[in-house]
Amino acid sequence: MKEQLTYAAYATGWGLVKRLPEPAADALFARIADVAWRRRGKSVLRLESNLRRVRPELDDPAIRRLSREGMRSYLRYWCESFRMPVWSQDKVTASFDPAHIERLDDTLASGRGVILALPHMGNWDLAGAWVVARGYPFTTVAERLKPEKLFDAFVAYREGLGMEVLPLTGGANTLATLAKRLRAGKLVCLVGDRDLSASGVEVQFQGAATRMPAGPAALAQQTGAALLPVTLWYDGTKTMKGCVHEEIQVPEHGSRREKTAAMTQAMADVWAEGVREHAKDWHMLQRFWLADLEPREPVEPREPLDPPTEAVEAQA
């Protein structure tokens, strides 16, 4: 029943929100964010717990204010995502303004593949649609969701924005396909700031241990592609901001595992600085640090699904 309600909430979003006038949709999702924030459900409490690690100098009232901004940022992501299928190309290109995009342009122009690695900041789908509109179709990976038709809906949505979407699990040679695209000088985009499974690479983030996927660093070593971290944020305007950071270099010495660990830590350091500067736009409403996990606790899905459903239910 919960799976069916979750699917119904997303189907309603994609079906109805895109038909609303933009000011009405923005106001509706700001209200949904505020309702969810006032309810102080588990997702909001987890967000505040995470924000305390990111901004330890803030007192409780300041964290509460920051979490309200965070929920509004998160629901802005969903409002934009539900509406993007009907956006014109001009609307997409006007809605994102990244710094140092020449790092992407120049590398691809040289014939070398690129891995853009992003944390859960801002609106990564909008950034992807903008990249496609710029003339760079790319390949990405999506985690399988329940129910299966919800996963299919997410795949269809992202493919509709111009992305090639591969399943994280249950697909045929996903990593081999990513490597093939990179060796051909193509672009791969991966959201990669959370992997609490045993296969994740342990890193320090904001002074505490967590795990992140090994994939971006491993693919860069395997294919010779450039690994470029990206951060995204909102600045109070209708245009999302972002930055393509300098390439994470492959260390000259060490085993493959040691190089992967060093590159993943370097990537985490770039993201940590961006998250601290734009904490309200880091959409981490799940457990993130190893110290916050219960013993033998199963890892939650990386795709942040629960908060929008809670918010829609609260609004109803």
C-alpha atoms as a PDB file:
ATOM      1  CA  MET A   1       0.000   0.000   0.000  1.00  0.00           C
ATOM      2  CA  LYS A   2       2.831   2.425   0.837  1.00  0.00           C
ATOM      3  CA  GLU A   3       4.470   1.693  -2.521  1.00  0.00           C
ATOM      4  CA  GLN A   4       1.211   2.382  -4.339  1.00  0.00           C
ATOM      5  CA  LEU A   5       0.695   5.648  -2.453  1.00  0.00           C
ATOM      6  CA  THR A   6       4.255   6.686  -3.252  1.00  0.00           C
ATOM      7  CA  TYR A   7       3.746   6.005  -6.941  1.00  0.00           C
ATOM      8  CA  ALA A   8       0.414   7.854  -6.896  1.00  0.00           C
ATOM      9  CA  ALA A   9       2.077  10.919  -5.337  1.00  0.00           C
ATOM     10  CA  TYR A  10       4.745  11.068  -8.028  1.00  0.00           C
ATOM     11  CA  ALA A  11       2.292  10.349 -10.844  1.00  0.00           C
ATOM     12  CA  THR A  12       0.118  13.192  -9.572  1.00  0.00           C
ATOM     13  CA  GLY A  13       3.122  15.490  -9.505  1.00  0.00           C
ATOM     14  CA  TRP A  14       4.163  14.763 -13.063  1.00  0.00           C
ATOM     15  CA  GLY A  15       0.588  14.856 -14.296  1.00  0.00           C
ATOM     16  CA  LEU A  16      -0.782  17.969 -12.589  1.00  0.00           C
ATOM     17  CA  VAL A  17       2.003  20.262 -11.380  1.00  0.00           C
ATOM     18  CA  LYS A  18       3.312  20.940 -14.886  1.00  0.00           C
ATOM     19  CA  ARG A  19      -0.113  22.346 -15.804  1.00  0.00           C
ATOM     20  CA  LEU A  20      -0.122  24.950 -13.036  1.00  0.00           C
ATOM     21  CA  PRO A  21       1.016  28.529 -13.692  1.00  0.00           C
ATOM     22  CA  GLU A  22       4.594  28.861 -12.480  1.00  0.00           C
ATOM     23  CA  PRO A  23       3.866  31.327  -9.627  1.00  0.00           C
ATOM     24  CA  ALA A  24       1.071  29.059  -8.348  1.00  0.00           C
ATOM     25  CA  ALA A  25       3.317  25.976  -8.490  1.00  0.00           C
ATOM     26  CA  ASP A  26       6.143  27.792  -6.684  1.00  0.00           C
ATOM     27  CA  ALA A  27       3.786  28.988  -3.944  1.00  0.00           C
ATOM     28  CA  LEU A  28       2.235  25.530  -3.560  1.00  0.00           C
ATOM     29  CA  PHE A  29       5.577  23.790  -3.098  1.00  0.00           C
ATOM     30  CA  ALA A  30       6.836  26.447  -0.685  1.00  0.00           C
ATOM     31  CA  ARG A  31       3.696  25.801   1.369  1.00  0.00           C
ATOM     32  CA  ILE A  32       4.220  22.037   1.206  1.00  0.00           C
ATOM     33  CA  ALA A  33       7.797  22.555   2.411  1.00  0.00           C
ATOM     34  CA  ASP A  34       6.636  24.677   5.339  1.00  0.00           C
ATOM     35  CA  VAL A  35       3.923  22.187   6.337  1.00  0.00           C
ATOM     36  CA  ALA A  36       6.418  19.308   6.304  1.00  0.00           C
ATOM     37  CA  TRP A  37       8.934  21.421   8.248  1.00  0.00           C
ATOM     38  CA  ARG A  38       6.415  22.288  10.967  1.00  0.00           C
ATOM     39  CA  ARG A  39       5.400  18.639  11.347  1.00  0.00           C
ATOM     40  CA  ARG A  40       9.014  17.743  12.237  1.00  0.00           C
ATOM     41  CA  GLY A  41       8.785  14.245  10.793  1.00  0.00           C
ATOM     42  CA  LYS A  42      11.735  11.892  10.677  1.00  0.00           C
ATOM     43  CA  SER A  43      13.089  13.362   7.436  1.00  0.00           C
ATOM     44  CA  VAL A  44      13.158  16.904   8.819  1.00  0.00           C
ATOM     45  CA  LEU A  45      14.764  15.722  12.050  1.00  0.00           C
ATOM     46  CA  ARG A  46      17.387  13.835  10.070  1.00  0.00           C
ATOM     47  CA  LEU A  47      18.051  16.911   7.943  1.00  0.00           C
ATOM     48  CA  GLU A  48      18.603  18.977  11.085  1.00  0.00           C
ATOM     49  CA  SER A  49      20.920  16.335  12.514  1.00  0.00           C
ATOM     50  CA  ASN A  50      22.970  16.409   9.319  1.00  0.00           C
ATOM     51  CA  LEU A  51      23.028  20.201   9.272  1.00  0.00           C
ATOM     52  CA  ARG A  52      24.424  20.266  12.814  1.00  0.00           C
ATOM     53  CA  ARG A  53      27.472  18.363  11.579  1.00  0.00           C
ATOM     54  CA  VAL A  54      27.872  20.696   8.625  1.00  0.00           C
ATOM     55  CA  ARG A  55      27.385  23.907  10.625  1.00  0.00           C
ATOM     56  CA  PRO A  56      28.362  23.017  14.227  1.00  0.00           C
ATOM     57  CA  GLU A  57      28.745  26.694  15.171  1.00  0.00           C
ATOM     58  CA  LEU A  58      24.983  27.311  14.817  1.00  0.00           C
ATOM     59  CA  ASP A  59      22.629  27.114  17.797  1.00  0.00           C
ATOM     60  CA  ASP A  60      19.306  25.250  17.705  1.00  0.00           C
ATOM     61  CA  PRO A  61      17.163  28.205  16.523  1.00  0.00           C
ATOM     62  CA  ALA A  62      19.609  28.857  13.683  1.00  0.00           C
ATOM     63  CA  ILE A  63      19.559  25.186  12.689  1.00  0.00           C
ATOM     64  CA  ARG A  64      15.755  25.310  12.664  1.00  0.00           C
ATOM     65  CA  ARG A  65      15.819  28.314  10.341  1.00  0.00           C
ATOM     66  CA  LEU A  66      18.375  26.598   8.127  1.00  0.00           C
ATOM     67  CA  SER A  67      16.294  23.417   7.964  1.00  0.00           C
ATOM     68  CA  ARG A  68      13.275  25.439   6.839  1.00  0.00           C
ATOM     69  CA  GLU A  69      15.369  26.912   4.028  1.00  0.00           C
ATOM     70  CA  GLY A  70      16.590  23.397   3.289  1.00  0.00           C
ATOM     71  CA  MET A  71      13.073  22.025   2.953  1.00  0.00           C
ATOM     72  CA  ARG A  72      12.106  24.896   0.663  1.00  0.00           C
ATOM     73  CA  SER A  73      15.181  24.191  -1.453  1.00  0.00           C
ATOM     74  CA  TYR A  74      14.334  20.491  -1.561  1.00  0.00           C
ATOM     75  CA  LEU A  75      10.726  21.102  -2.591  1.00  0.00           C
ATOM     76  CA  ARG A  76      11.933  23.585  -5.217  1.00  0.00           C
ATOM     77  CA  TYR A  77      13.881  20.662  -6.683  1.00  0.00           C
ATOM     78  CA  TRP A  78      10.671  18.620  -6.902  1.00  0.00           C
ATOM     79  CA  CYS A  79       8.607  21.495  -8.296  1.00  0.00           C
ATOM     80  CA  GLU A  80      11.168  22.066 -11.048  1.00  0.00           C
ATOM     81  CA  SER A  81      11.488  18.352 -11.740  1.00  0.00           C
ATOM     82  CA  PHE A  82       7.734  17.871 -12.124  1.00  0.00           C
ATOM     83  CA  ARG A  83       7.574  20.841 -14.502  1.00  0.00           C
ATOM     84  CA  MET A  84      10.719  20.307 -16.593  1.00  0.00           C
ATOM     85  CA  PRO A  85       9.133  17.871 -19.083  1.00  0.00           C
ATOM     86  CA  VAL A  86       7.194  20.808 -20.568  1.00  0.00           C
ATOM     87  CA  TRP A  87       9.996  23.391 -20.378  1.00  0.00           C
ATOM     88  CA  SER A  88      11.336  24.772 -23.639  1.00  0.00           C
ATOM     89  CA  GLN A  89      15.029  24.502 -24.405  1.00  0.00           C
ATOM     90  CA  ASP A  90      15.327  28.259 -23.859  1.00  0.00           C
ATOM     91  CA  LYS A  91      13.745  27.875 -20.407  1.00  0.00           C
ATOM     92  CA  VAL A  92      16.218  25.111 -19.509  1.00  0.00           C
ATOM     93  CA  THR A  93      19.277  27.055 -20.663  1.00  0.00           C
ATOM     94  CA  ALA A  94      18.132  30.182 -18.795  1.00  0.00           C
ATOM     95  CA  SER A  95      17.600  28.270 -15.539  1.00  0.00           C
ATOM     96  CA  PHE A  96      21.214  27.273 -14.836  1.00  0.00           C
ATOM     97  CA  ASP A  97      24.416  29.334 -14.786  1.00  0.00           C
ATOM     98  CA  PRO A  98      27.512  27.249 -13.938  1.00  0.00           C
ATOM     99  CA  ALA A  99      30.992  28.663 -13.426  1.00  0.00           C
ATOM    100  CA  HIS A 100      34.021  27.160 -15.174  1.00  0.00           C
ATOM    101  CA  ILE A 101      32.005  25.272 -17.771  1.00  0.00           C
ATOM    102  CA  GLU A 102      35.103  25.617 -19.974  1.00  0.00           C
ATOM    103  CA  ARG A 103      36.610  22.739 -17.991  1.00  0.00           C
ATOM    104  CA  LEU A 104      33.930  20.489 -19.454  1.00  0.00           C
ATOM    105  CA  ASP A 105      33.983  22.072 -22.911  1.00  0.00           C
ATOM    106  CA  ASP A 106      37.755  21.945 -23.353  1.00  0.00           C
ATOM    107  CA  THR A 107      38.128  18.374 -22.144  1.00  0.00           C
ATOM    108  CA  LEU A 108      35.389  16.996 -24.388  1.00  0.00           C
ATOM    109  CA  ALA A 109      36.726  19.037 -27.318  1.00  0.00           C
ATOM    110  CA  SER A 110      40.079  17.285 -26.864  1.00  0.00           C
ATOM    111  CA  GLY A 111      38.378  13.921 -27.417  1.00  0.00           C
ATOM    112  CA  ARG A 112      38.758  12.806 -23.817  1.00  0.00           C
ATOM    113  CA  GLY A 113      35.828  11.407 -21.851  1.00  0.00           C
ATOM    114  CA  VAL A 114      34.504  13.228 -18.780  1.00  0.00           C
ATOM    115  CA  ILE A 115      32.872  12.082 -15.540  1.00  0.00           C
ATOM    116  CA  LEU A 116      30.845  14.818 -13.866  1.00  0.00           C
ATOM    117  CA  ALA A 117      30.343  13.770 -10.246  1.00  0.00           C
ATOM    118  CA  LEU A 118      27.700  15.549  -8.185  1.00  0.00           C
ATOM    119  CA  PRO A 119      26.417  15.413  -4.611  1.00  0.00           C
ATOM    120  CA  HIS A 120      22.714  15.666  -3.746  1.00  0.00           C
ATOM    121  CA  MET A 121      22.745  19.466  -4.115  1.00  0.00           C
ATOM    122  CA  GLY A 122      20.404  21.833  -5.916  1.00  0.00           C
ATOM    123  CA  ASN A 123      18.702  20.197  -8.874  1.00  0.00           C
ATOM    124  CA  TRP A 124      20.967  17.640 -10.546  1.00  0.00           C
ATOM    125  CA  ASP A 125      18.269  16.820 -13.109  1.00  0.00           C
ATOM    126  CA  LEU A 126      18.146  20.462 -14.210  1.00  0.00           C
ATOM    127  CA  ALA A 127      21.937  20.519 -14.482  1.00  0.00           C
ATOM    128  CA  GLY A 128      21.721  17.394 -16.632  1.00  0.00           C
ATOM    129  CA  ALA A 129      19.023  18.843 -18.888  1.00  0.00           C
ATOM    130  CA  TRP A 130      21.143  21.997 -19.283  1.00  0.00           C
ATOM    131  CA  VAL A 131      24.175  19.930 -20.305  1.00  0.00           C
ATOM    132  CA  VAL A 132      22.066  18.094 -22.889  1.00  0.00           C
ATOM    133  CA  ALA A 133      20.742  21.405 -24.227  1.00  0.00           C
ATOM    134  CA  ARG A 134      24.355  22.549 -24.567  1.00  0.00           C
ATOM    135  CA  GLY A 135      24.913  19.667 -26.964  1.00  0.00           C
ATOM    136  CA  TYR A 136      26.367  16.997 -24.670  1.00  0.00           C
ATOM    137  CA  PRO A 137      24.107  13.943 -24.389  1.00  0.00           C
ATOM    138  CA  PHE A 138      25.324  11.795 -21.531  1.00  0.00           C
ATOM    139  CA  THR A 139      24.908   8.520 -19.706  1.00  0.00           C
ATOM    140  CA  THR A 140      23.897   8.182 -16.068  1.00  0.00           C
ATOM    141  CA  VAL A 141      22.852   5.485 -13.593  1.00  0.00           C
ATOM    142  CA  ALA A 142      19.604   5.143 -11.630  1.00  0.00           C
ATOM    143  CA  GLU A 143      18.998   2.987  -8.568  1.00  0.00           C
ATOM    144  CA  ARG A 144      16.132   0.541  -8.860  1.00  0.00           C
ATOM    145  CA  LEU A 145      13.074   1.660  -6.899  1.00  0.00           C
ATOM    146  CA  LYS A 146       9.918   0.029  -5.616  1.00  0.00           C
ATOM    147  CA  PRO A 147       7.380  -0.296  -7.058  1.00  0.00           C
ATOM    148  CA  GLU A 148       8.988  -1.138 -10.407  1.00  0.00           C
ATOM    149  CA  LYS A 149       6.657   1.208 -12.260  1.00  0.00           C
ATOM    150  CA  LEU A 150       8.053   4.109 -10.206  1.00  0.00           C
ATOM    151  CA  PHE A 151      11.559   3.185 -11.370  1.00  0.00           C
ATOM    152  CA  ASP A 152      10.247   3.035 -14.936  1.00  0.00           C
ATOM    153  CA  ALA A 153       8.666   6.471 -14.490  1.00  0.00           C
ATOM    154  CA  PHE A 154      11.961   7.989 -13.282  1.00  0.00           C
ATOM    155  CA  VAL A 155      13.812   6.416 -16.203  1.00  0.00           C
ATOM    156  CA  ALA A 156      11.233   7.721 -18.678  1.00  0.00           C
ATOM    157  CA  TYR A 157      11.401  11.190 -17.104  1.00  0.00           C
ATOM    158  CA  ARG A 158      15.190  11.391 -17.340  1.00  0.00           C
ATOM    159  CA  GLU A 159      15.296   9.886 -20.809  1.00  0.00           C
ATOM    160  CA  GLY A 160      12.754  12.530 -21.802  1.00  0.00           C
ATOM    161  CA  LEU A 161      15.309  15.142 -20.735  1.00  0.00           C
ATOM    162  CA  GLY A 162      17.846  13.594 -23.109  1.00  0.00           C
ATOM    163  CA  MET A 163      19.800  11.294 -20.794  1.00  0.00           C
ATOM    164  CA  GLU A 164      20.770   7.668 -21.362  1.00  0.00           C
ATOM    165  CA  VAL A 165      19.800   5.933 -18.104  1.00  0.00           C
ATOM    166  CA  LEU A 166      21.291   2.605 -17.005  1.00  0.00           C
ATOM    167  CA  PRO A 167      20.074   0.625 -13.957  1.00  0.00           C
ATOM    168  CA  LEU A 168      22.469   0.444 -11.011  1.00  0.00           C
ATOM    169  CA  THR A 169      21.541  -3.197 -10.458  1.00  0.00           C
ATOM    170  CA  GLY A 170      19.858  -5.825 -12.570  1.00  0.00           C
ATOM    171  CA  GLY A 171      21.148  -4.431 -15.845  1.00  0.00           C
ATOM    172  CA  ALA A 172      23.504  -5.944 -18.385  1.00  0.00           C
ATOM    173  CA  ASN A 173      27.084  -4.754 -17.870  1.00  0.00           C
ATOM    174  CA  THR A 174      26.298  -1.254 -16.593  1.00  0.00           C
ATOM    175  CA  LEU A 175      29.920  -0.515 -15.665  1.00  0.00           C
ATOM    176  CA  ALA A 176      31.146  -1.873 -18.998  1.00  0.00           C
ATOM    177  CA  THR A 177      28.734   0.424 -20.826  1.00  0.00           C
ATOM    178  CA  LEU A 178      29.899   3.444 -18.819  1.00  0.00           C
ATOM    179  CA  ALA A 179      33.524   2.593 -19.578  1.00  0.00           C
ATOM    180  CA  LYS A 180      32.725   2.200 -23.273  1.00  0.00           C
ATOM    181  CA  ARG A 181      31.094   5.637 -23.397  1.00  0.00           C
ATOM    182  CA  LEU A 182      34.074   7.242 -21.649  1.00  0.00           C
ATOM    183  CA  ARG A 183      36.648   5.599 -23.904  1.00  0.00           C
ATOM    184  CA  ALA A 184      34.693   6.986 -26.856  1.00  0.00           C
ATOM    185  CA  GLY A 185      35.191  10.503 -25.474  1.00  0.00           C
ATOM    186  CA  LYS A 186      31.631  10.838 -24.173  1.00  0.00           C
ATOM    187  CA  LEU A 187      30.169  12.250 -20.967  1.00  0.00           C
ATOM    188  CA  VAL A 188      29.012  10.323 -17.900  1.00  0.00           C
ATOM    189  CA  CYS A 189      27.222  12.049 -14.986  1.00  0.00           C
ATOM    190  CA  LEU A 190      26.976  10.371 -11.580  1.00  0.00           C
ATOM    191  CA  VAL A 191      25.420  11.466  -8.275  1.00  0.00           C
ATOM    192  CA  GLY A 192      27.975  10.010  -5.891  1.00  0.00           C
ATOM    193  CA  ASP A 193      28.002  11.349  -2.338  1.00  0.00           C
ATOM    194  CA  ARG A 194      26.417   8.417  -0.489  1.00  0.00           C
ATOM    195  CA  ASP A 195      27.101   4.674  -0.433  1.00  0.00           C
ATOM    196  CA  LEU A 196      26.829   3.226   3.058  1.00  0.00           C
ATOM    197  CA  SER A 197      27.119  -0.338   1.805  1.00  0.00           C
ATOM    198  CA  ALA A 198      30.226  -2.431   2.389  1.00  0.00           C
ATOM    199  CA  SER A 199      31.412  -1.625  -1.140  1.00  0.00           C
ATOM    200  CA  GLY A 200      31.578   2.104  -0.435  1.00  0.00           C
ATOM    201  CA  VAL A 201      34.900   3.901   0.038  1.00  0.00           C
ATOM    202  CA  GLU A 202      35.349   5.303   3.542  1.00  0.00           C
ATOM    203  CA  VAL A 203      36.118   9.022   3.572  1.00  0.00           C
ATOM    204  CA  GLN A 204      36.150  11.896   6.028  1.00  0.00           C
ATOM    205  CA  PHE A 205      33.385  14.429   5.391  1.00  0.00           C
ATOM    206  CA  GLN A 206      32.880  17.445   7.632  1.00  0.00           C
ATOM    207  CA  GLY A 207      35.146  15.803  10.223  1.00  0.00           C
ATOM    208  CA  ALA A 208      33.398  12.422  10.454  1.00  0.00           C
ATOM    209  CA  ALA A 209      33.528   9.125   8.575  1.00  0.00           C
ATOM    210  CA  THR A 210      31.090   8.128   5.848  1.00  0.00           C
ATOM    211  CA  ARG A 211      31.245   6.065   2.655  1.00  0.00           C
ATOM    212  CA  MET A 212      30.955   7.157  -0.953  1.00  0.00           C
ATOM    213  CA  PRO A 213      30.788   5.181  -4.212  1.00  0.00           C
ATOM    214  CA  ALA A 214      34.054   3.974  -5.722  1.00  0.00           C
ATOM    215  CA  GLY A 215      32.639   4.204  -9.258  1.00  0.00           C
ATOM    216  CA  PRO A 216      33.700   7.724 -10.328  1.00  0.00           C
ATOM    217  CA  ALA A 217      37.329   7.299  -9.284  1.00  0.00           C
ATOM    218  CA  ALA A 218      37.538   3.717 -10.555  1.00  0.00           C
ATOM    219  CA  LEU A 219      36.124   4.662 -13.963  1.00  0.00           C
ATOM    220  CA  ALA A 220      38.552   7.571 -14.281  1.00  0.00           C
ATOM    221  CA  GLN A 221      41.491   5.234 -13.646  1.00  0.00           C
ATOM    222  CA  GLN A 222      40.168   2.538 -15.946  1.00  0.00           C
ATOM    223  CA  THR A 223      39.376   4.767 -18.933  1.00  0.00           C
ATOM    224  CA  GLY A 224      41.593   7.829 -18.622  1.00  0.00           C
ATOM    225  CA  ALA A 225      38.530  10.078 -18.431  1.00  0.00           C
ATOM    226  CA  ALA A 226      38.679  13.341 -16.495  1.00  0.00           C
ATOM    227  CA  LEU A 227      36.898  13.296 -13.130  1.00  0.00           C
ATOM    228  CA  LEU A 228      35.337  16.729 -12.547  1.00  0.00           C
ATOM    229  CA  PRO A 229      33.405  17.360  -9.307  1.00  0.00           C
ATOM    230  CA  VAL A 230      30.389  19.674  -9.520  1.00  0.00           C
ATOM    231  CA  THR A 231      28.505  21.621  -6.856  1.00  0.00           C
ATOM    232  CA  LEU A 232      25.071  23.220  -7.269  1.00  0.00           C
ATOM    233  CA  TRP A 233      23.087  25.762  -5.279  1.00  0.00           C
ATOM    234  CA  TYR A 234      20.232  28.268  -5.366  1.00  0.00           C
ATOM    235  CA  ASP A 235      20.897  31.958  -4.681  1.00  0.00           C
ATOM    236  CA  GLY A 236      17.378  33.336  -4.321  1.00  0.00           C
ATOM    237  CA  THR A 237      16.885  33.923  -8.054  1.00  0.00           C
ATOM    238  CA  LYS A 238      15.127  31.759 -10.649  1.00  0.00           C
ATOM    239  CA  THR A 239      18.513  30.663 -12.000  1.00  0.00           C
ATOM    240  CA  MET A 240      20.387  27.843 -10.256  1.00  0.00           C
ATOM    241  CA  LYS A 241      24.112  28.375  -9.834  1.00  0.00           C
ATOM    242  CA  GLY A 242      26.897  25.825  -9.966  1.00  0.00           C
ATOM    243  CA  CYS A 243      30.605  25.230 -10.397  1.00  0.00           C
ATOM    244  CA  VAL A 244      32.614  22.701 -12.385  1.00  0.00           C
ATOM    245  CA  HIS A 245      35.672  22.196 -10.205  1.00  0.00           C
ATOM    246  CA  GLU A 246      39.206  21.269 -11.192  1.00  0.00           C
ATOM    247  CA  GLU A 247      39.958  17.714 -12.269  1.00  0.00           C
ATOM    248  CA  ILE A 248      40.667  15.133  -9.590  1.00  0.00           C
ATOM    249  CA  GLN A 249      44.002  13.716 -10.707  1.00  0.00           C
ATOM    250  CA  VAL A 250      44.925  10.038 -10.546  1.00  0.00           C
ATOM    251  CA  PRO A 251      47.807   9.640  -8.030  1.00  0.00           C
ATOM    252  CA  GLU A 252      51.100   8.553  -9.519  1.00  0.00           C
ATOM    253  CA  HIS A 253      51.779   5.917  -6.878  1.00  0.00           C
ATOM    254  CA  GLY A 254      49.821   3.298  -4.960  1.00  0.00           C
ATOM    255  CA  SER A 255      47.602   0.330  -5.708  1.00  0.00           C
ATOM    256  CA  ARG A 256      44.336   0.771  -7.599  1.00  0.00           C
ATOM    257  CA  ARG A 257      42.449   0.616  -4.310  1.00  0.00           C
ATOM    258  CA  GLU A 258      44.707   3.229  -2.729  1.00  0.00           C
ATOM    259  CA  LYS A 259      44.321   5.520  -5.736  1.00  0.00           C
ATOM    260  CA  THR A 260      40.548   5.107  -5.645  1.00  0.00           C
ATOM    261  CA  ALA A 261      40.494   5.971  -1.943  1.00  0.00           C
ATOM    262  CA  ALA A 262      42.665   9.060  -2.447  1.00  0.00           C
ATOM    263  CA  MET A 263      40.593  10.329  -5.383  1.00  0.00           C
ATOM    264  CA  THR A 264      37.294   9.736  -3.588  1.00  0.00           C
ATOM    265  CA  GLN A 265      38.594  11.639  -0.550  1.00  0.00           C
ATOM    266  CA  ALA A 266      39.721  14.520  -2.766  1.00  0.00           C
ATOM    267  CA  MET A 267      36.268  14.613  -4.355  1.00  0.00           C
ATOM    268  CA  ALA A 268      34.630  14.536  -0.908  1.00  0.00           C
ATOM    269  CA  ASP A 269      36.788  17.487   0.174  1.00  0.00           C
ATOM    270  CA  VAL A 270      35.544  19.575  -2.767  1.00  0.00           C
ATOM    271  CA  TRP A 271      31.941  18.691  -1.991  1.00  0.00           C
ATOM    272  CA  ALA A 272      32.391  19.337   1.741  1.00  0.00           C
ATOM    273  CA  GLU A 273      33.452  22.900   1.053  1.00  0.00           C
ATOM    274  CA  GLY A 274      30.472  23.443  -1.253  1.00  0.00           C
ATOM    275  CA  VAL A 275      28.044  21.854   1.205  1.00  0.00           C
ATOM    276  CA  ARG A 276      29.268  23.996   4.070  1.00  0.00           C
ATOM    277  CA  GLU A 277      28.949  27.161   1.966  1.00  0.00           C
ATOM    278  CA  HIS A 278      25.494  26.208   0.651  1.00  0.00           C
ATOM    279  CA  ALA A 279      24.194  23.948   3.397  1.00  0.00           C
ATOM    280  CA  LYS A 280      20.511  24.643   2.723  1.00  0.00           C
ATOM    281  CA  ASP A 281      20.875  23.196  -0.778  1.00  0.00           C
ATOM    282  CA  TRP A 282      22.365  19.851   0.299  1.00  0.00           C
ATOM    283  CA  HIS A 283      19.328  17.584   0.119  1.00  0.00           C
ATOM    284  CA  MET A 284      20.465  14.896   2.531  1.00  0.00           C
ATOM    285  CA  LEU A 285      17.359  13.822   4.452  1.00  0.00           C
ATOM    286  CA  GLN A 286      18.735  10.374   5.262  1.00  0.00           C
ATOM    287  CA  ARG A 287      21.420   9.005   7.540  1.00  0.00           C
ATOM    288  CA  PHE A 288      24.764   9.921   6.072  1.00  0.00           C
ATOM    289  CA  TRP A 289      27.569   9.380   8.571  1.00  0.00           C
ATOM    290  CA  LEU A 290      28.627   5.953   9.795  1.00  0.00           C
ATOM    291  CA  ALA A 291      28.289   7.077  13.414  1.00  0.00           C
ATOM    292  CA  ASP A 292      24.562   7.646  12.863  1.00  0.00           C
ATOM    293  CA  LEU A 293      23.847   4.095  11.724  1.00  0.00           C
ATOM    294  CA  GLU A 294      22.371   1.545  14.062  1.00  0.00           C
ATOM    295  CA  PRO A 295      24.254  -1.777  14.358  1.00  0.00           C
ATOM    296  CA  ARG A 296      23.448  -3.966  11.349  1.00  0.00           C
ATOM    297  CA  GLU A 297      20.933  -1.425  10.149  1.00  0.00           C
ATOM    298  CA  PRO A 298      19.967  -1.996   6.503  1.00  0.00           C
ATOM    299  CA  VAL A 299      21.111   0.774   4.198  1.00  0.00           C
ATOM    300  CA  GLU A 300      18.327   3.102   3.039  1.00  0.00           C
ATOM    301  CA  PRO A 301      17.857   3.699  -0.701  1.00  0.00           C
ATOM    302  CA  ARG A 302      19.965   6.537  -2.041  1.00  0.00           C
ATOM    303  CA  GLU A 303      17.080   8.037  -4.007  1.00  0.00           C
ATOM    304  CA  PRO A 304      15.330  10.440  -1.578  1.00  0.00           C
ATOM    305  CA  LEU A 305      11.731   9.321  -1.985  1.00  0.00           C
ATOM    306  CA  ASP A 306       9.989   9.607   1.365  1.00  0.00           C
ATOM    307  CA  PRO A 307       9.917  13.357   2.057  1.00  0.00           C
ATOM    308  CA  PRO A 308       7.830  14.363  -1.005  1.00  0.00           C
ATOM    309  CA  THR A 309       5.253  11.702  -0.129  1.00  0.00           C
ATOM    310  CA  GLU A 310       5.082  12.884   3.472  1.00  0.00           C
ATOM    311  CA  ALA A 311       4.745  16.455   2.298  1.00  0.00           C
ATOM    312  CA  VAL A 312       1.954  15.682  -0.157  1.00  0.00           C
ATOM    313  CA  GLU A 313       0.101  13.766   2.546  1.00  0.00           C
ATOM    314  CA  ALA A 314       0.564  16.684   4.933  1.00  0.00           C
ATOM    315  CA  GLN A 315      -0.776  19.138   2.375  1.00  0.00           C
ATOM    316  CA  ALA A 316      -3.781  16.912   1.725  1.00  0.00           C
END
